[in-house]
Amino acid sequence: MQIVAIILVLIGAVITPFYFQALVAFRRILLAERPDLADRRGSLSFFYAGMPRLADPNVSLLIVRTAFGPVPQQLSDPNAVRYARRIRLSLIIAIPAYLLAFSIFLAGAP
């Protein structure tokens, strides 16, 4: 069973860079066309003052929420739909893979 968990972690690890690349590219498109959807600060955003804006969880979750909504079809850049689809697909595959691997590792722990 540990082999299955290792394979699931590898699947998630392979998908994660594609997710981050699509997240950064989709944020650039949103900043160019709809900056109100790409740069929102939360009440605890001062903790992320010296970091890139995308490291703020409020900003990254807003971009993911935008990728799952109808906004990518409304943008004029044709790559917006492609990057939003890549974000959706990456999250739909990677999150269950990581969670299942974590539960397998926990079940096998002494």
PDB file of N, CA and C in Angstrom:
ATOM      1  N   MET A   1       0.814  -1.191   0.000  1.00  0.00           N
ATOM      2  CA  MET A   1       0.000   0.000   0.000  1.00  0.00           C
ATOM      3  C   MET A   1       0.866   1.267   0.000  1.00  0.00           C
ATOM      4  N   GLN A   2       2.074   1.119   0.563  1.00  0.00           N
ATOM      5  CA  GLN A   2       2.969   2.270   0.589  1.00  0.00           C
ATOM      6  C   GLN A   2       3.405   2.657  -0.822  1.00  0.00           C
ATOM      7  N   ILE A   3       3.504   1.695  -1.710  1.00  0.00           N
ATOM      8  CA  ILE A   3       3.883   1.975  -3.097  1.00  0.00           C
ATOM      9  C   ILE A   3       2.821   2.846  -3.757  1.00  0.00           C
ATOM     10  N   VAL A   4       1.563   2.547  -3.491  1.00  0.00           N
ATOM     11  CA  VAL A   4       0.467   3.349  -4.055  1.00  0.00           C
ATOM     12  C   VAL A   4       0.554   4.788  -3.544  1.00  0.00           C
ATOM     13  N   ALA A   5       0.852   4.950  -2.266  1.00  0.00           N
ATOM     14  CA  ALA A   5       0.971   6.279  -1.700  1.00  0.00           C
ATOM     15  C   ALA A   5       2.139   7.036  -2.316  1.00  0.00           C
ATOM     16  N   ILE A   6       3.239   6.357  -2.535  1.00  0.00           N
ATOM     17  CA  ILE A   6       4.398   7.011  -3.149  1.00  0.00           C
ATOM     18  C   ILE A   6       4.079   7.422  -4.579  1.00  0.00           C
ATOM     19  N   ILE A   7       3.380   6.578  -5.307  1.00  0.00           N
ATOM     20  CA  ILE A   7       2.985   6.921  -6.683  1.00  0.00           C
ATOM     21  C   ILE A   7       2.042   8.117  -6.689  1.00  0.00           C
ATOM     22  N   LEU A   8       1.108   8.163  -5.740  1.00  0.00           N
ATOM     23  CA  LEU A   8       0.195   9.303  -5.653  1.00  0.00           C
ATOM     24  C   LEU A   8       0.937  10.591  -5.324  1.00  0.00           C
ATOM     25  N   VAL A   9       1.920  10.522  -4.445  1.00  0.00           N
ATOM     26  CA  VAL A   9       2.719  11.709  -4.130  1.00  0.00           C
ATOM     27  C   VAL A   9       3.505  12.150  -5.363  1.00  0.00           C
ATOM     28  N   LEU A  10       4.044  11.216  -6.105  1.00  0.00           N
ATOM     29  CA  LEU A  10       4.770  11.566  -7.334  1.00  0.00           C
ATOM     30  C   LEU A  10       3.848  12.206  -8.366  1.00  0.00           C
ATOM     31  N   ILE A  11       2.633  11.703  -8.483  1.00  0.00           N
ATOM     32  CA  ILE A  11       1.663  12.310  -9.409  1.00  0.00           C
ATOM     33  C   ILE A  11       1.385  13.753  -8.995  1.00  0.00           C
ATOM     34  N   GLY A  12       1.154  13.963  -7.705  1.00  0.00           N
ATOM     35  CA  GLY A  12       0.918  15.321  -7.221  1.00  0.00           C
ATOM     36  C   GLY A  12       2.127  16.218  -7.400  1.00  0.00           C
ATOM     37  N   ALA A  13       3.319  15.665  -7.191  1.00  0.00           N
ATOM     38  CA  ALA A  13       4.535  16.465  -7.334  1.00  0.00           C
ATOM     39  C   ALA A  13       4.807  16.846  -8.780  1.00  0.00           C
ATOM     40  N   VAL A  14       4.415  15.998  -9.699  1.00  0.00           N
ATOM     41  CA  VAL A  14       4.590  16.330 -11.118  1.00  0.00           C
ATOM     42  C   VAL A  14       3.595  17.396 -11.553  1.00  0.00           C
ATOM     43  N   ILE A  15       2.401  17.367 -11.017  1.00  0.00           N
ATOM     44  CA  ILE A  15       1.352  18.305 -11.417  1.00  0.00           C
ATOM     45  C   ILE A  15       1.542  19.679 -10.779  1.00  0.00           C
ATOM     46  N   THR A  16       2.124  19.756  -9.600  1.00  0.00           N
ATOM     47  CA  THR A  16       2.225  21.008  -8.857  1.00  0.00           C
ATOM     48  C   THR A  16       2.957  22.118  -9.614  1.00  0.00           C
ATOM     49  N   PRO A  17       4.101  21.888 -10.280  1.00  0.00           N
ATOM     50  CA  PRO A  17       4.727  22.989 -11.029  1.00  0.00           C
ATOM     51  C   PRO A  17       3.850  23.542 -12.156  1.00  0.00           C
ATOM     52  N   PHE A  18       3.098  22.658 -12.812  1.00  0.00           N
ATOM     53  CA  PHE A  18       2.191  23.123 -13.861  1.00  0.00           C
ATOM     54  C   PHE A  18       1.095  24.012 -13.270  1.00  0.00           C
ATOM     55  N   TYR A  19       0.646  23.656 -12.067  1.00  0.00           N
ATOM     56  CA  TYR A  19      -0.362  24.472 -11.379  1.00  0.00           C
ATOM     57  C   TYR A  19       0.183  25.858 -11.068  1.00  0.00           C
ATOM     58  N   PHE A  20       1.383  25.915 -10.506  1.00  0.00           N
ATOM     59  CA  PHE A  20       1.941  27.216 -10.148  1.00  0.00           C
ATOM     60  C   PHE A  20       2.242  28.072 -11.372  1.00  0.00           C
ATOM     61  N   GLN A  21       2.704  27.453 -12.453  1.00  0.00           N
ATOM     62  CA  GLN A  21       2.950  28.210 -13.673  1.00  0.00           C
ATOM     63  C   GLN A  21       1.650  28.776 -14.221  1.00  0.00           C
ATOM     64  N   ALA A  22       0.591  27.991 -14.209  1.00  0.00           N
ATOM     65  CA  ALA A  22      -0.704  28.471 -14.694  1.00  0.00           C
ATOM     66  C   ALA A  22      -1.261  29.549 -13.772  1.00  0.00           C
ATOM     67  N   LEU A  23      -1.032  29.427 -12.471  1.00  0.00           N
ATOM     68  CA  LEU A  23      -1.509  30.430 -11.525  1.00  0.00           C
ATOM     69  C   LEU A  23      -0.840  31.778 -11.769  1.00  0.00           C
ATOM     70  N   VAL A  24       0.466  31.768 -11.975  1.00  0.00           N
ATOM     71  CA  VAL A  24       1.201  33.016 -12.229  1.00  0.00           C
ATOM     72  C   VAL A  24       0.773  33.624 -13.564  1.00  0.00           C
ATOM     73  N   ALA A  25       0.656  32.806 -14.591  1.00  0.00           N
ATOM     74  CA  ALA A  25       0.271  33.318 -15.906  1.00  0.00           C
ATOM     75  C   ALA A  25      -1.161  33.853 -15.898  1.00  0.00           C
ATOM     76  N   PHE A  26      -2.062  33.156 -15.224  1.00  0.00           N
ATOM     77  CA  PHE A  26      -3.450  33.619 -15.153  1.00  0.00           C
ATOM     78  C   PHE A  26      -3.547  34.917 -14.353  1.00  0.00           C
ATOM     79  N   ARG A  27      -2.727  35.058 -13.314  1.00  0.00           N
ATOM     80  CA  ARG A  27      -2.725  36.303 -12.542  1.00  0.00           C
ATOM     81  C   ARG A  27      -2.239  37.474 -13.395  1.00  0.00           C
ATOM     82  N   ARG A  28      -1.233  37.234 -14.228  1.00  0.00           N
ATOM     83  CA  ARG A  28      -0.746  38.305 -15.124  1.00  0.00           C
ATOM     84  C   ARG A  28      -1.842  38.751 -16.081  1.00  0.00           C
ATOM     85  N   ILE A  29      -2.591  37.800 -16.604  1.00  0.00           N
ATOM     86  CA  ILE A  29      -3.689  38.150 -17.511  1.00  0.00           C
ATOM     87  C   ILE A  29      -4.754  38.926 -16.760  1.00  0.00           C
ATOM     88  N   LEU A  30      -5.076  38.484 -15.554  1.00  0.00           N
ATOM     89  CA  LEU A  30      -6.078  39.200 -14.755  1.00  0.00           C
ATOM     90  C   LEU A  30      -5.614  40.604 -14.389  1.00  0.00           C
ATOM     91  N   LEU A  31      -4.329  40.761 -14.079  1.00  0.00           N
ATOM     92  CA  LEU A  31      -3.814  42.098 -13.754  1.00  0.00           C
ATOM     93  C   LEU A  31      -3.920  43.032 -14.953  1.00  0.00           C
ATOM     94  N   ALA A  32      -3.744  42.482 -16.142  1.00  0.00           N
ATOM     95  CA  ALA A  32      -3.818  43.314 -17.342  1.00  0.00           C
ATOM     96  C   ALA A  32      -5.257  43.698 -17.685  1.00  0.00           C
ATOM     97  N   GLU A  33      -6.192  42.783 -17.491  1.00  0.00           N
ATOM     98  CA  GLU A  33      -7.556  43.035 -17.935  1.00  0.00           C
ATOM     99  C   GLU A  33      -8.528  43.391 -16.815  1.00  0.00           C
ATOM    100  N   ARG A  34      -8.435  42.717 -15.701  1.00  0.00           N
ATOM    101  CA  ARG A  34      -9.355  42.953 -14.579  1.00  0.00           C
ATOM    102  C   ARG A  34      -8.567  43.036 -13.275  1.00  0.00           C
ATOM    103  N   PRO A  35      -7.872  44.149 -13.019  1.00  0.00           N
ATOM    104  CA  PRO A  35      -7.025  44.219 -11.817  1.00  0.00           C
ATOM    105  C   PRO A  35      -7.809  44.130 -10.509  1.00  0.00           C
ATOM    106  N   ASP A  36      -9.088  44.421 -10.534  1.00  0.00           N
ATOM    107  CA  ASP A  36      -9.888  44.310  -9.310  1.00  0.00           C
ATOM    108  C   ASP A  36     -10.019  42.864  -8.848  1.00  0.00           C
ATOM    109  N   LEU A  37      -9.858  41.903  -9.756  1.00  0.00           N
ATOM    110  CA  LEU A  37      -9.986  40.492  -9.407  1.00  0.00           C
ATOM    111  C   LEU A  37      -8.647  39.832  -9.069  1.00  0.00           C
ATOM    112  N   ALA A  38      -7.547  40.545  -9.241  1.00  0.00           N
ATOM    113  CA  ALA A  38      -6.247  39.911  -9.061  1.00  0.00           C
ATOM    114  C   ALA A  38      -5.452  40.464  -7.892  1.00  0.00           C
ATOM    115  N   ASP A  39      -5.910  41.488  -7.248  1.00  0.00           N
ATOM    116  CA  ASP A  39      -5.095  42.130  -6.230  1.00  0.00           C
ATOM    117  C   ASP A  39      -5.928  42.579  -5.047  1.00  0.00           C
ATOM    118  N   ARG A  40      -6.472  41.669  -4.326  1.00  0.00           N
ATOM    119  CA  ARG A  40      -7.268  42.024  -3.149  1.00  0.00           C
ATOM    120  C   ARG A  40      -6.481  41.652  -1.903  1.00  0.00           C
ATOM    121  N   ARG A  41      -6.470  42.551  -0.954  1.00  0.00           N
ATOM    122  CA  ARG A  41      -5.761  42.312   0.296  1.00  0.00           C
ATOM    123  C   ARG A  41      -6.763  41.989   1.384  1.00  0.00           C
ATOM    124  N   GLY A  42      -6.367  41.083   2.263  1.00  0.00           N
ATOM    125  CA  GLY A  42      -7.208  40.712   3.380  1.00  0.00           C
ATOM    126  C   GLY A  42      -6.767  41.414   4.651  1.00  0.00           C
ATOM    127  N   SER A  43      -7.431  41.101   5.742  1.00  0.00           N
ATOM    128  CA  SER A  43      -7.116  41.761   6.999  1.00  0.00           C
ATOM    129  C   SER A  43      -5.762  41.335   7.558  1.00  0.00           C
ATOM    130  N   LEU A  44      -5.297  40.152   7.237  1.00  0.00           N
ATOM    131  CA  LEU A  44      -4.004  39.679   7.730  1.00  0.00           C
ATOM    132  C   LEU A  44      -2.917  39.725   6.668  1.00  0.00           C
ATOM    133  N   SER A  45      -3.108  40.507   5.627  1.00  0.00           N
ATOM    134  CA  SER A  45      -2.145  40.564   4.540  1.00  0.00           C
ATOM    135  C   SER A  45      -0.844  41.246   4.946  1.00  0.00           C
ATOM    136  N   PHE A  46      -0.825  41.941   6.073  1.00  0.00           N
ATOM    137  CA  PHE A  46       0.412  42.586   6.493  1.00  0.00           C
ATOM    138  C   PHE A  46       1.485  41.555   6.872  1.00  0.00           C
ATOM    139  N   PHE A  47       1.095  40.306   7.132  1.00  0.00           N
ATOM    140  CA  PHE A  47       2.076  39.265   7.393  1.00  0.00           C
ATOM    141  C   PHE A  47       2.903  38.944   6.150  1.00  0.00           C
ATOM    142  N   TYR A  48       2.384  39.255   4.986  1.00  0.00           N
ATOM    143  CA  TYR A  48       3.046  38.939   3.725  1.00  0.00           C
ATOM    144  C   TYR A  48       3.602  40.187   3.066  1.00  0.00           C
ATOM    145  N   ALA A  49       3.994  41.183   3.852  1.00  0.00           N
ATOM    146  CA  ALA A  49       4.408  42.482   3.330  1.00  0.00           C
ATOM    147  C   ALA A  49       5.664  42.400   2.468  1.00  0.00           C
ATOM    148  N   GLY A  50       6.663  41.612   2.828  1.00  0.00           N
ATOM    149  CA  GLY A  50       7.900  41.559   2.067  1.00  0.00           C
ATOM    150  C   GLY A  50       7.928  40.495   0.998  1.00  0.00           C
ATOM    151  N   MET A  51       6.832  39.799   0.822  1.00  0.00           N
ATOM    152  CA  MET A  51       6.792  38.685  -0.123  1.00  0.00           C
ATOM    153  C   MET A  51       6.065  39.101  -1.402  1.00  0.00           C
ATOM    154  N   PRO A  52       6.207  38.305  -2.460  1.00  0.00           N
ATOM    155  CA  PRO A  52       5.426  38.589  -3.664  1.00  0.00           C
ATOM    156  C   PRO A  52       3.933  38.521  -3.367  1.00  0.00           C
ATOM    157  N   ARG A  53       3.154  39.270  -4.103  1.00  0.00           N
ATOM    158  CA  ARG A  53       1.725  39.358  -3.845  1.00  0.00           C
ATOM    159  C   ARG A  53       1.029  38.008  -3.970  1.00  0.00           C
ATOM    160  N   LEU A  54       1.528  37.153  -4.829  1.00  0.00           N
ATOM    161  CA  LEU A  54       0.911  35.844  -5.038  1.00  0.00           C
ATOM    162  C   LEU A  54       1.099  34.918  -3.835  1.00  0.00           C
ATOM    163  N   ALA A  55       2.056  35.216  -2.962  1.00  0.00           N
ATOM    164  CA  ALA A  55       2.256  34.405  -1.755  1.00  0.00           C
ATOM    165  C   ALA A  55       1.167  34.656  -0.720  1.00  0.00           C
ATOM    166  N   ASP A  56       0.446  35.744  -0.844  1.00  0.00           N
ATOM    167  CA  ASP A  56      -0.663  36.044   0.061  1.00  0.00           C
ATOM    168  C   ASP A  56      -1.817  35.088  -0.244  1.00  0.00           C
ATOM    169  N   PRO A  57      -2.274  34.324   0.738  1.00  0.00           N
ATOM    170  CA  PRO A  57      -3.353  33.365   0.483  1.00  0.00           C
ATOM    171  C   PRO A  57      -4.636  34.020  -0.012  1.00  0.00           C
ATOM    172  N   ASN A  58      -4.900  35.252   0.399  1.00  0.00           N
ATOM    173  CA  ASN A  58      -6.100  35.929  -0.089  1.00  0.00           C
ATOM    174  C   ASN A  58      -6.044  36.143  -1.595  1.00  0.00           C
ATOM    175  N   VAL A  59      -4.883  36.515  -2.093  1.00  0.00           N
ATOM    176  CA  VAL A  59      -4.724  36.755  -3.532  1.00  0.00           C
ATOM    177  C   VAL A  59      -4.781  35.441  -4.309  1.00  0.00           C
ATOM    178  N   SER A  60      -4.058  34.432  -3.843  1.00  0.00           N
ATOM    179  CA  SER A  60      -4.027  33.173  -4.599  1.00  0.00           C
ATOM    180  C   SER A  60      -5.390  32.482  -4.598  1.00  0.00           C
ATOM    181  N   LEU A  61      -6.105  32.525  -3.486  1.00  0.00           N
ATOM    182  CA  LEU A  61      -7.443  31.926  -3.471  1.00  0.00           C
ATOM    183  C   LEU A  61      -8.431  32.717  -4.329  1.00  0.00           C
ATOM    184  N   LEU A  62      -8.249  34.007  -4.394  1.00  0.00           N
ATOM    185  CA  LEU A  62      -9.101  34.810  -5.271  1.00  0.00           C
ATOM    186  C   LEU A  62      -8.858  34.457  -6.733  1.00  0.00           C
ATOM    187  N   ILE A  63      -7.617  34.206  -7.094  1.00  0.00           N
ATOM    188  CA  ILE A  63      -7.309  33.824  -8.473  1.00  0.00           C
ATOM    189  C   ILE A  63      -7.860  32.435  -8.777  1.00  0.00           C
ATOM    190  N   VAL A  64      -7.752  31.513  -7.841  1.00  0.00           N
ATOM    191  CA  VAL A  64      -8.308  30.167  -8.048  1.00  0.00           C
ATOM    192  C   VAL A  64      -9.829  30.243  -8.170  1.00  0.00           C
ATOM    193  N   ARG A  65     -10.451  31.045  -7.315  1.00  0.00           N
ATOM    194  CA  ARG A  65     -11.908  31.200  -7.388  1.00  0.00           C
ATOM    195  C   ARG A  65     -12.324  31.816  -8.726  1.00  0.00           C
ATOM    196  N   THR A  66     -11.533  32.742  -9.221  1.00  0.00           N
ATOM    197  CA  THR A  66     -11.812  33.347 -10.520  1.00  0.00           C
ATOM    198  C   THR A  66     -11.640  32.315 -11.639  1.00  0.00           C
ATOM    199  N   ALA A  67     -10.649  31.438 -11.512  1.00  0.00           N
ATOM    200  CA  ALA A  67     -10.426  30.414 -12.534  1.00  0.00           C
ATOM    201  C   ALA A  67     -11.572  29.418 -12.583  1.00  0.00           C
ATOM    202  N   PHE A  68     -12.230  29.169 -11.458  1.00  0.00           N
ATOM    203  CA  PHE A  68     -13.352  28.243 -11.433  1.00  0.00           C
ATOM    204  C   PHE A  68     -14.664  28.909 -11.831  1.00  0.00           C
ATOM    205  N   GLY A  69     -14.683  30.211 -11.979  1.00  0.00           N
ATOM    206  CA  GLY A  69     -15.906  30.927 -12.313  1.00  0.00           C
ATOM    207  C   GLY A  69     -16.041  31.189 -13.804  1.00  0.00           C
ATOM    208  N   PRO A  70     -16.967  32.067 -14.166  1.00  0.00           N
ATOM    209  CA  PRO A  70     -17.197  32.357 -15.585  1.00  0.00           C
ATOM    210  C   PRO A  70     -16.279  33.437 -16.155  1.00  0.00           C
ATOM    211  N   VAL A  71     -15.407  34.008 -15.354  1.00  0.00           N
ATOM    212  CA  VAL A  71     -14.581  35.132 -15.787  1.00  0.00           C
ATOM    213  C   VAL A  71     -13.614  34.783 -16.914  1.00  0.00           C
ATOM    214  N   PRO A  72     -12.955  33.610 -16.932  1.00  0.00           N
ATOM    215  CA  PRO A  72     -11.996  33.338 -18.020  1.00  0.00           C
ATOM    216  C   PRO A  72     -12.604  33.427 -19.417  1.00  0.00           C
ATOM    217  N   GLN A  73     -13.860  33.056 -19.570  1.00  0.00           N
ATOM    218  CA  GLN A  73     -14.494  33.160 -20.884  1.00  0.00           C
ATOM    219  C   GLN A  73     -14.777  34.608 -21.257  1.00  0.00           C
ATOM    220  N   GLN A  74     -14.849  35.504 -20.277  1.00  0.00           N
ATOM    221  CA  GLN A  74     -15.150  36.904 -20.530  1.00  0.00           C
ATOM    222  C   GLN A  74     -13.905  37.721 -20.861  1.00  0.00           C
ATOM    223  N   LEU A  75     -12.722  37.177 -20.616  1.00  0.00           N
ATOM    224  CA  LEU A  75     -11.486  37.905 -20.868  1.00  0.00           C
ATOM    225  C   LEU A  75     -11.135  37.852 -22.346  1.00  0.00           C
ATOM    226  N   SER A  76     -10.445  38.881 -22.810  1.00  0.00           N
ATOM    227  CA  SER A  76     -10.129  38.950 -24.239  1.00  0.00           C
ATOM    228  C   SER A  76      -8.894  38.124 -24.612  1.00  0.00           C
ATOM    229  N   ASP A  77      -8.037  37.828 -23.663  1.00  0.00           N
ATOM    230  CA  ASP A  77      -6.848  37.021 -23.948  1.00  0.00           C
ATOM    231  C   ASP A  77      -7.257  35.563 -24.156  1.00  0.00           C
ATOM    232  N   PRO A  78      -6.900  34.955 -25.277  1.00  0.00           N
ATOM    233  CA  PRO A  78      -7.309  33.566 -25.519  1.00  0.00           C
ATOM    234  C   PRO A  78      -6.615  32.562 -24.602  1.00  0.00           C
ATOM    235  N   ASN A  79      -5.487  32.941 -24.028  1.00  0.00           N
ATOM    236  CA  ASN A  79      -4.795  32.027 -23.119  1.00  0.00           C
ATOM    237  C   ASN A  79      -5.441  31.960 -21.745  1.00  0.00           C
ATOM    238  N   ALA A  80      -6.323  32.865 -21.425  1.00  0.00           N
ATOM    239  CA  ALA A  80      -6.962  32.883 -20.108  1.00  0.00           C
ATOM    240  C   ALA A  80      -7.757  31.605 -19.868  1.00  0.00           C
ATOM    241  N   VAL A  81      -8.472  31.165 -20.852  1.00  0.00           N
ATOM    242  CA  VAL A  81      -9.267  29.939 -20.709  1.00  0.00           C
ATOM    243  C   VAL A  81      -8.344  28.730 -20.552  1.00  0.00           C
ATOM    244  N   ARG A  82      -7.253  28.719 -21.282  1.00  0.00           N
ATOM    245  CA  ARG A  82      -6.309  27.605 -21.192  1.00  0.00           C
ATOM    246  C   ARG A  82      -5.680  27.527 -19.806  1.00  0.00           C
ATOM    247  N   TYR A  83      -5.247  28.661 -19.261  1.00  0.00           N
ATOM    248  CA  TYR A  83      -4.632  28.660 -17.939  1.00  0.00           C
ATOM    249  C   TYR A  83      -5.657  28.360 -16.850  1.00  0.00           C
ATOM    250  N   ALA A  84      -6.867  28.849 -16.996  1.00  0.00           N
ATOM    251  CA  ALA A  84      -7.910  28.538 -16.011  1.00  0.00           C
ATOM    252  C   ALA A  84      -8.229  27.049 -16.034  1.00  0.00           C
ATOM    253  N   ARG A  85      -8.290  26.458 -17.203  1.00  0.00           N
ATOM    254  CA  ARG A  85      -8.533  25.021 -17.315  1.00  0.00           C
ATOM    255  C   ARG A  85      -7.382  24.232 -16.694  1.00  0.00           C
ATOM    256  N   ARG A  86      -6.158  24.715 -16.895  1.00  0.00           N
ATOM    257  CA  ARG A  86      -5.004  24.032 -16.307  1.00  0.00           C
ATOM    258  C   ARG A  86      -5.032  24.117 -14.780  1.00  0.00           C
ATOM    259  N   ILE A  87      -5.454  25.255 -14.237  1.00  0.00           N
ATOM    260  CA  ILE A  87      -5.586  25.394 -12.782  1.00  0.00           C
ATOM    261  C   ILE A  87      -6.637  24.432 -12.263  1.00  0.00           C
ATOM    262  N   ARG A  88      -7.792  24.403 -12.915  1.00  0.00           N
ATOM    263  CA  ARG A  88      -8.870  23.504 -12.483  1.00  0.00           C
ATOM    264  C   ARG A  88      -8.434  22.045 -12.518  1.00  0.00           C
ATOM    265  N   LEU A  89      -7.863  21.630 -13.624  1.00  0.00           N
ATOM    266  CA  LEU A  89      -7.456  20.237 -13.782  1.00  0.00           C
ATOM    267  C   LEU A  89      -6.370  19.858 -12.779  1.00  0.00           C
ATOM    268  N   SER A  90      -5.422  20.748 -12.556  1.00  0.00           N
ATOM    269  CA  SER A  90      -4.353  20.474 -11.602  1.00  0.00           C
ATOM    270  C   SER A  90      -4.900  20.287 -10.195  1.00  0.00           C
ATOM    271  N   LEU A  91      -5.810  21.149  -9.797  1.00  0.00           N
ATOM    272  CA  LEU A  91      -6.368  21.032  -8.455  1.00  0.00           C
ATOM    273  C   LEU A  91      -7.253  19.804  -8.313  1.00  0.00           C
ATOM    274  N   ILE A  92      -7.995  19.483  -9.352  1.00  0.00           N
ATOM    275  CA  ILE A  92      -8.893  18.322  -9.292  1.00  0.00           C
ATOM    276  C   ILE A  92      -8.101  17.013  -9.219  1.00  0.00           C
ATOM    277  N   ILE A  93      -6.908  16.975  -9.785  1.00  0.00           N
ATOM    278  CA  ILE A  93      -6.103  15.763  -9.737  1.00  0.00           C
ATOM    279  C   ILE A  93      -5.169  15.750  -8.529  1.00  0.00           C
ATOM    280  N   ALA A  94      -4.486  16.848  -8.266  1.00  0.00           N
ATOM    281  CA  ALA A  94      -3.429  16.864  -7.248  1.00  0.00           C
ATOM    282  C   ALA A  94      -3.973  16.795  -5.823  1.00  0.00           C
ATOM    283  N   ILE A  95      -5.029  17.512  -5.525  1.00  0.00           N
ATOM    284  CA  ILE A  95      -5.524  17.528  -4.145  1.00  0.00           C
ATOM    285  C   ILE A  95      -6.010  16.145  -3.706  1.00  0.00           C
ATOM    286  N   PRO A  96      -6.845  15.442  -4.482  1.00  0.00           N
ATOM    287  CA  PRO A  96      -7.209  14.081  -4.046  1.00  0.00           C
ATOM    288  C   PRO A  96      -6.009  13.136  -3.982  1.00  0.00           C
ATOM    289  N   ALA A  97      -5.036  13.298  -4.880  1.00  0.00           N
ATOM    290  CA  ALA A  97      -3.856  12.430  -4.842  1.00  0.00           C
ATOM    291  C   ALA A  97      -3.080  12.645  -3.547  1.00  0.00           C
ATOM    292  N   TYR A  98      -2.860  13.906  -3.180  1.00  0.00           N
ATOM    293  CA  TYR A  98      -2.146  14.189  -1.930  1.00  0.00           C
ATOM    294  C   TYR A  98      -2.936  13.712  -0.719  1.00  0.00           C
ATOM    295  N   LEU A  99      -4.234  13.946  -0.700  1.00  0.00           N
ATOM    296  CA  LEU A  99      -5.039  13.536   0.454  1.00  0.00           C
ATOM    297  C   LEU A  99      -5.101  12.019   0.595  1.00  0.00           C
ATOM    298  N   LEU A 100      -5.245  11.321  -0.502  1.00  0.00           N
ATOM    299  CA  LEU A 100      -5.278   9.862  -0.452  1.00  0.00           C
ATOM    300  C   LEU A 100      -3.925   9.302  -0.012  1.00  0.00           C
ATOM    301  N   ALA A 101      -2.841   9.875  -0.516  1.00  0.00           N
ATOM    302  CA  ALA A 101      -1.510   9.425  -0.094  1.00  0.00           C
ATOM    303  C   ALA A 101      -1.292   9.696   1.391  1.00  0.00           C
ATOM    304  N   PHE A 102      -1.736  10.841   1.864  1.00  0.00           N
ATOM    305  CA  PHE A 102      -1.610  11.181   3.285  1.00  0.00           C
ATOM    306  C   PHE A 102      -2.394  10.196   4.144  1.00  0.00           C
ATOM    307  N   SER A 103      -3.609   9.859   3.711  1.00  0.00           N
ATOM    308  CA  SER A 103      -4.406   8.913   4.502  1.00  0.00           C
ATOM    309  C   SER A 103      -3.794   7.513   4.482  1.00  0.00           C
ATOM    310  N   ILE A 104      -3.189   7.119   3.362  1.00  0.00           N
ATOM    311  CA  ILE A 104      -2.516   5.820   3.311  1.00  0.00           C
ATOM    312  C   ILE A 104      -1.307   5.809   4.235  1.00  0.00           C
ATOM    313  N   PHE A 105      -0.543   6.894   4.224  1.00  0.00           N
ATOM    314  CA  PHE A 105       0.602   6.970   5.124  1.00  0.00           C
ATOM    315  C   PHE A 105       0.171   6.952   6.575  1.00  0.00           C
ATOM    316  N   LEU A 106      -0.937   7.623   6.893  1.00  0.00           N
ATOM    317  CA  LEU A 106      -1.427   7.613   8.265  1.00  0.00           C
ATOM    318  C   LEU A 106      -1.930   6.235   8.682  1.00  0.00           C
ATOM    319  N   ALA A 107      -2.577   5.557   7.789  1.00  0.00           N
ATOM    320  CA  ALA A 107      -3.099   4.221   8.116  1.00  0.00           C
ATOM    321  C   ALA A 107      -1.962   3.221   8.330  1.00  0.00           C
ATOM    322  N   GLY A 108      -0.855   3.413   7.663  1.00  0.00           N
ATOM    323  CA  GLY A 108       0.264   2.503   7.802  1.00  0.00           C
ATOM    324  C   GLY A 108       1.248   2.893   8.885  1.00  0.00           C
ATOM    325  N   ALA A 109       1.022   4.029   9.534  1.00  0.00           N
ATOM    326  CA  ALA A 109       1.938   4.483  10.577  1.00  0.00           C
ATOM    327  C   ALA A 109       1.805   3.624  11.827  1.00  0.00           C
ATOM    328  N   PRO A 110       2.914   3.358  12.487  1.00  0.00           N
ATOM    329  CA  PRO A 110       2.835   2.517  13.709  1.00  0.00           C
ATOM    330  C   PRO A 110       2.251   3.261  14.893  1.00  0.00           C
TER     331      PRO A 110
END
